[in-house]
Amino acid sequence: MSGKRSSGLTEEKMRKIAAGATVAGVLLILFLVVILIVQFVQIGVANRRNAEYDAEIERYEELLKNGEISLDFLQQEETLRELAIENGWIVSR
C-alpha cells in the first residue's frame, strides 16, 4: 500500500502556488488602484467646494466694501439661518 503522500513540492504544486500568488497580487493592486481613484475624486470635490466657499467669501467682502450690506445684518440670526439653508445646511429651531 502506498497510501503515503509524497512530501515536498512538486512542479505542479509550485505552479499552483505561483498562480495563486499572482492572482492575489493582481487583486491587491486593483484594490489599491480603486482606493487611489476614490481618494483623487474626494480631493477634487473638496477643492471645488473650497473654491466655491472662497468665491462666496469674496462676494460678501465686496458687498461689505461697497456698503450694499452691513456686517450687523450678516450676523443677525435670521440672516445666518437663511445663508445656511441656501448652502445646503439643515437648520433646526
N, C-alpha and C. Protein backbone atom coordinates (compact mmCIF):
# COMPACT_ATOMS: atom_id res chain seq x y z
N MET A 1 0.82 -1.17 0.00
CA MET A 1 0.00 0.00 0.00
C MET A 1 0.87 1.24 0.00
N SER A 2 0.57 2.03 -0.94
CA SER A 2 1.33 3.27 -0.98
C SER A 2 0.38 4.42 -0.69
N GLY A 3 -0.15 4.43 0.50
CA GLY A 3 -1.09 5.46 0.93
C GLY A 3 -0.39 6.71 1.42
N LYS A 4 0.92 6.68 1.45
CA LYS A 4 1.67 7.86 1.90
C LYS A 4 1.69 8.91 0.80
N ARG A 5 1.52 10.11 1.20
CA ARG A 5 1.62 11.21 0.25
C ARG A 5 3.08 11.56 0.08
N SER A 6 3.40 11.99 -1.10
CA SER A 6 4.79 12.37 -1.32
C SER A 6 5.03 13.73 -0.68
N SER A 7 6.08 13.82 0.03
CA SER A 7 6.41 15.08 0.69
C SER A 7 7.24 15.92 -0.25
N GLY A 8 7.20 17.20 0.00
CA GLY A 8 7.96 18.11 -0.84
C GLY A 8 7.07 18.74 -1.90
N LEU A 9 7.61 19.72 -2.56
CA LEU A 9 6.86 20.45 -3.56
C LEU A 9 7.14 19.89 -4.94
N THR A 10 6.10 19.52 -5.58
CA THR A 10 6.27 19.07 -6.96
C THR A 10 6.14 20.28 -7.87
N GLU A 11 6.43 20.06 -9.13
CA GLU A 11 6.35 21.16 -10.09
C GLU A 11 4.91 21.66 -10.23
N GLU A 12 3.96 20.76 -10.17
CA GLU A 12 2.55 21.15 -10.28
C GLU A 12 2.13 22.01 -9.09
N LYS A 13 2.56 21.62 -7.89
CA LYS A 13 2.24 22.42 -6.70
C LYS A 13 2.87 23.80 -6.79
N MET A 14 4.10 23.87 -7.31
CA MET A 14 4.77 25.16 -7.45
C MET A 14 4.01 26.06 -8.41
N ARG A 15 3.50 25.50 -9.52
CA ARG A 15 2.74 26.29 -10.48
C ARG A 15 1.44 26.79 -9.86
N LYS A 16 0.77 25.95 -9.07
CA LYS A 16 -0.47 26.37 -8.42
C LYS A 16 -0.21 27.48 -7.42
N ILE A 17 0.87 27.35 -6.66
CA ILE A 17 1.23 28.39 -5.69
C ILE A 17 1.56 29.70 -6.41
N ALA A 18 2.32 29.61 -7.50
CA ALA A 18 2.69 30.81 -8.26
C ALA A 18 1.44 31.46 -8.86
N ALA A 19 0.52 30.66 -9.37
CA ALA A 19 -0.71 31.21 -9.95
C ALA A 19 -1.55 31.88 -8.87
N GLY A 20 -1.68 31.24 -7.72
CA GLY A 20 -2.44 31.84 -6.62
C GLY A 20 -1.83 33.14 -6.14
N ALA A 21 -0.50 33.17 -6.04
CA ALA A 21 0.18 34.39 -5.60
C ALA A 21 0.00 35.50 -6.63
N THR A 22 0.04 35.13 -7.90
CA THR A 22 -0.15 36.13 -8.96
C THR A 22 -1.56 36.72 -8.91
N VAL A 23 -2.54 35.86 -8.75
CA VAL A 23 -3.93 36.33 -8.66
C VAL A 23 -4.10 37.23 -7.45
N ALA A 24 -3.54 36.83 -6.32
CA ALA A 24 -3.65 37.65 -5.10
C ALA A 24 -2.96 39.00 -5.30
N GLY A 25 -1.81 39.01 -5.95
CA GLY A 25 -1.10 40.26 -6.20
C GLY A 25 -1.87 41.18 -7.12
N VAL A 26 -2.46 40.62 -8.18
CA VAL A 26 -3.25 41.43 -9.11
C VAL A 26 -4.48 42.00 -8.41
N LEU A 27 -5.15 41.20 -7.62
CA LEU A 27 -6.32 41.69 -6.88
C LEU A 27 -5.93 42.80 -5.90
N LEU A 28 -4.81 42.64 -5.23
CA LEU A 28 -4.34 43.67 -4.30
C LEU A 28 -4.06 44.98 -5.05
N ILE A 29 -3.40 44.89 -6.19
CA ILE A 29 -3.09 46.09 -6.97
C ILE A 29 -4.37 46.75 -7.45
N LEU A 30 -5.34 45.97 -7.93
CA LEU A 30 -6.61 46.55 -8.37
C LEU A 30 -7.33 47.24 -7.22
N PHE A 31 -7.33 46.61 -6.07
CA PHE A 31 -7.96 47.20 -4.88
C PHE A 31 -7.30 48.53 -4.53
N LEU A 32 -5.97 48.58 -4.57
CA LEU A 32 -5.25 49.82 -4.25
C LEU A 32 -5.51 50.91 -5.29
N VAL A 33 -5.62 50.52 -6.55
CA VAL A 33 -5.91 51.50 -7.60
C VAL A 33 -7.31 52.09 -7.41
N VAL A 34 -8.28 51.25 -7.05
CA VAL A 34 -9.63 51.75 -6.80
C VAL A 34 -9.62 52.74 -5.63
N ILE A 35 -8.91 52.40 -4.58
CA ILE A 35 -8.81 53.31 -3.43
C ILE A 35 -8.17 54.63 -3.85
N LEU A 36 -7.14 54.56 -4.66
CA LEU A 36 -6.45 55.76 -5.13
C LEU A 36 -7.39 56.64 -5.95
N ILE A 37 -8.18 56.04 -6.82
CA ILE A 37 -9.12 56.80 -7.64
C ILE A 37 -10.18 57.48 -6.76
N VAL A 38 -10.69 56.75 -5.79
CA VAL A 38 -11.69 57.32 -4.88
C VAL A 38 -11.10 58.51 -4.12
N GLN A 39 -9.85 58.38 -3.67
CA GLN A 39 -9.21 59.47 -2.96
C GLN A 39 -9.04 60.70 -3.85
N PHE A 40 -8.64 60.50 -5.11
CA PHE A 40 -8.49 61.63 -6.03
C PHE A 40 -9.82 62.32 -6.26
N VAL A 41 -10.90 61.56 -6.38
CA VAL A 41 -12.22 62.15 -6.57
C VAL A 41 -12.60 62.97 -5.34
N GLN A 42 -12.35 62.43 -4.15
CA GLN A 42 -12.67 63.16 -2.92
C GLN A 42 -11.85 64.44 -2.80
N ILE A 43 -10.60 64.39 -3.20
CA ILE A 43 -9.76 65.59 -3.17
C ILE A 43 -10.30 66.63 -4.15
N GLY A 44 -10.72 66.18 -5.33
CA GLY A 44 -11.28 67.10 -6.32
C GLY A 44 -12.55 67.76 -5.83
N VAL A 45 -13.42 66.99 -5.19
CA VAL A 45 -14.66 67.54 -4.65
C VAL A 45 -14.35 68.55 -3.55
N ALA A 46 -13.41 68.23 -2.68
CA ALA A 46 -13.05 69.14 -1.59
C ALA A 46 -12.45 70.44 -2.15
N ASN A 47 -11.60 70.33 -3.16
CA ASN A 47 -11.01 71.53 -3.77
C ASN A 47 -12.07 72.40 -4.43
N ARG A 48 -13.04 71.76 -5.11
CA ARG A 48 -14.11 72.52 -5.74
C ARG A 48 -14.96 73.23 -4.69
N ARG A 49 -15.26 72.54 -3.59
CA ARG A 49 -16.05 73.13 -2.51
C ARG A 49 -15.29 74.31 -1.90
N ASN A 50 -13.98 74.16 -1.70
CA ASN A 50 -13.19 75.26 -1.15
C ASN A 50 -13.20 76.46 -2.09
N ALA A 51 -13.13 76.20 -3.40
CA ALA A 51 -13.17 77.30 -4.37
C ALA A 51 -14.52 78.02 -4.32
N GLU A 52 -15.60 77.25 -4.18
CA GLU A 52 -16.92 77.86 -4.06
C GLU A 52 -17.02 78.72 -2.81
N TYR A 53 -16.51 78.21 -1.70
CA TYR A 53 -16.54 78.98 -0.46
C TYR A 53 -15.70 80.24 -0.58
N ASP A 54 -14.54 80.14 -1.21
CA ASP A 54 -13.70 81.33 -1.40
C ASP A 54 -14.41 82.37 -2.25
N ALA A 55 -15.11 81.92 -3.28
CA ALA A 55 -15.86 82.85 -4.14
C ALA A 55 -16.97 83.54 -3.35
N GLU A 56 -17.66 82.78 -2.51
CA GLU A 56 -18.72 83.37 -1.67
C GLU A 56 -18.13 84.38 -0.70
N ILE A 57 -17.00 84.07 -0.10
CA ILE A 57 -16.35 84.99 0.83
C ILE A 57 -15.98 86.28 0.11
N GLU A 58 -15.42 86.16 -1.08
CA GLU A 58 -15.06 87.35 -1.86
C GLU A 58 -16.30 88.17 -2.20
N ARG A 59 -17.39 87.48 -2.55
CA ARG A 59 -18.62 88.19 -2.90
C ARG A 59 -19.14 88.99 -1.70
N TYR A 60 -19.16 88.37 -0.51
CA TYR A 60 -19.64 89.09 0.67
C TYR A 60 -18.68 90.19 1.09
N GLU A 61 -17.38 89.98 0.91
CA GLU A 61 -16.43 91.05 1.22
C GLU A 61 -16.64 92.24 0.29
N GLU A 62 -16.94 91.95 -0.98
CA GLU A 62 -17.21 93.02 -1.93
C GLU A 62 -18.50 93.76 -1.57
N LEU A 63 -19.53 93.02 -1.17
CA LEU A 63 -20.78 93.66 -0.74
C LEU A 63 -20.54 94.54 0.48
N LEU A 64 -19.73 94.07 1.41
CA LEU A 64 -19.43 94.87 2.60
C LEU A 64 -18.64 96.12 2.22
N LYS A 65 -17.67 95.95 1.31
CA LYS A 65 -16.83 97.08 0.90
C LYS A 65 -17.64 98.15 0.17
N ASN A 66 -18.59 97.72 -0.64
CA ASN A 66 -19.41 98.67 -1.40
C ASN A 66 -20.54 99.26 -0.56
N GLY A 67 -20.74 98.79 0.64
CA GLY A 67 -21.78 99.31 1.51
C GLY A 67 -23.17 98.81 1.17
N GLU A 68 -23.26 97.77 0.33
CA GLU A 68 -24.56 97.24 -0.05
C GLU A 68 -25.17 96.39 1.06
N ILE A 69 -24.35 95.98 1.98
CA ILE A 69 -24.80 95.12 3.06
C ILE A 69 -23.92 95.44 4.27
N SER A 70 -24.46 95.27 5.47
CA SER A 70 -23.68 95.59 6.65
C SER A 70 -23.29 94.31 7.39
N LEU A 71 -22.25 94.40 8.16
CA LEU A 71 -21.78 93.26 8.94
C LEU A 71 -22.82 92.90 10.00
N ASP A 72 -23.48 93.89 10.56
CA ASP A 72 -24.53 93.62 11.55
C ASP A 72 -25.66 92.80 10.94
N PHE A 73 -26.03 93.15 9.69
CA PHE A 73 -27.09 92.40 9.01
C PHE A 73 -26.66 90.95 8.78
N LEU A 74 -25.40 90.74 8.37
CA LEU A 74 -24.92 89.38 8.12
C LEU A 74 -24.84 88.56 9.40
N GLN A 75 -24.65 89.22 10.53
CA GLN A 75 -24.51 88.50 11.78
C GLN A 75 -25.84 88.24 12.48
N GLN A 76 -26.91 88.76 11.96
CA GLN A 76 -28.22 88.51 12.56
C GLN A 76 -28.57 87.03 12.41
N GLU A 77 -29.26 86.51 13.40
CA GLU A 77 -29.56 85.08 13.43
C GLU A 77 -30.39 84.64 12.21
N GLU A 78 -31.38 85.42 11.85
CA GLU A 78 -32.23 85.03 10.72
C GLU A 78 -31.45 85.03 9.41
N THR A 79 -30.55 85.99 9.24
CA THR A 79 -29.72 86.04 8.03
C THR A 79 -28.80 84.83 7.98
N LEU A 80 -28.20 84.51 9.10
CA LEU A 80 -27.31 83.34 9.16
C LEU A 80 -28.08 82.06 8.85
N ARG A 81 -29.31 81.97 9.35
CA ARG A 81 -30.14 80.79 9.08
C ARG A 81 -30.45 80.69 7.58
N GLU A 82 -30.81 81.81 6.96
CA GLU A 82 -31.12 81.81 5.53
C GLU A 82 -29.88 81.44 4.70
N LEU A 83 -28.73 81.97 5.06
CA LEU A 83 -27.50 81.65 4.33
C LEU A 83 -27.14 80.17 4.50
N ALA A 84 -27.37 79.64 5.68
CA ALA A 84 -27.08 78.22 5.92
C ALA A 84 -27.98 77.34 5.07
N ILE A 85 -29.26 77.70 4.98
CA ILE A 85 -30.20 76.92 4.18
C ILE A 85 -29.83 77.01 2.69
N GLU A 86 -29.42 78.20 2.23
CA GLU A 86 -29.01 78.37 0.84
C GLU A 86 -27.82 77.49 0.50
N ASN A 87 -26.94 77.26 1.46
CA ASN A 87 -25.74 76.48 1.22
C ASN A 87 -25.91 75.01 1.59
N GLY A 88 -27.14 74.57 1.79
CA GLY A 88 -27.39 73.15 1.98
C GLY A 88 -27.39 72.65 3.41
N TRP A 89 -27.31 73.53 4.36
CA TRP A 89 -27.34 73.10 5.76
C TRP A 89 -28.78 72.86 6.17
N ILE A 90 -28.98 71.96 7.08
CA ILE A 90 -30.30 71.71 7.66
C ILE A 90 -30.34 72.42 9.00
N VAL A 91 -31.27 73.35 9.10
CA VAL A 91 -31.35 74.19 10.31
C VAL A 91 -32.56 73.76 11.11
N SER A 92 -32.32 73.44 12.36
CA SER A 92 -33.44 73.10 13.25
C SER A 92 -33.64 74.24 14.23
N ARG A 93 -34.87 74.43 14.60
CA ARG A 93 -35.17 75.53 15.54
C ARG A 93 -35.40 75.01 16.91
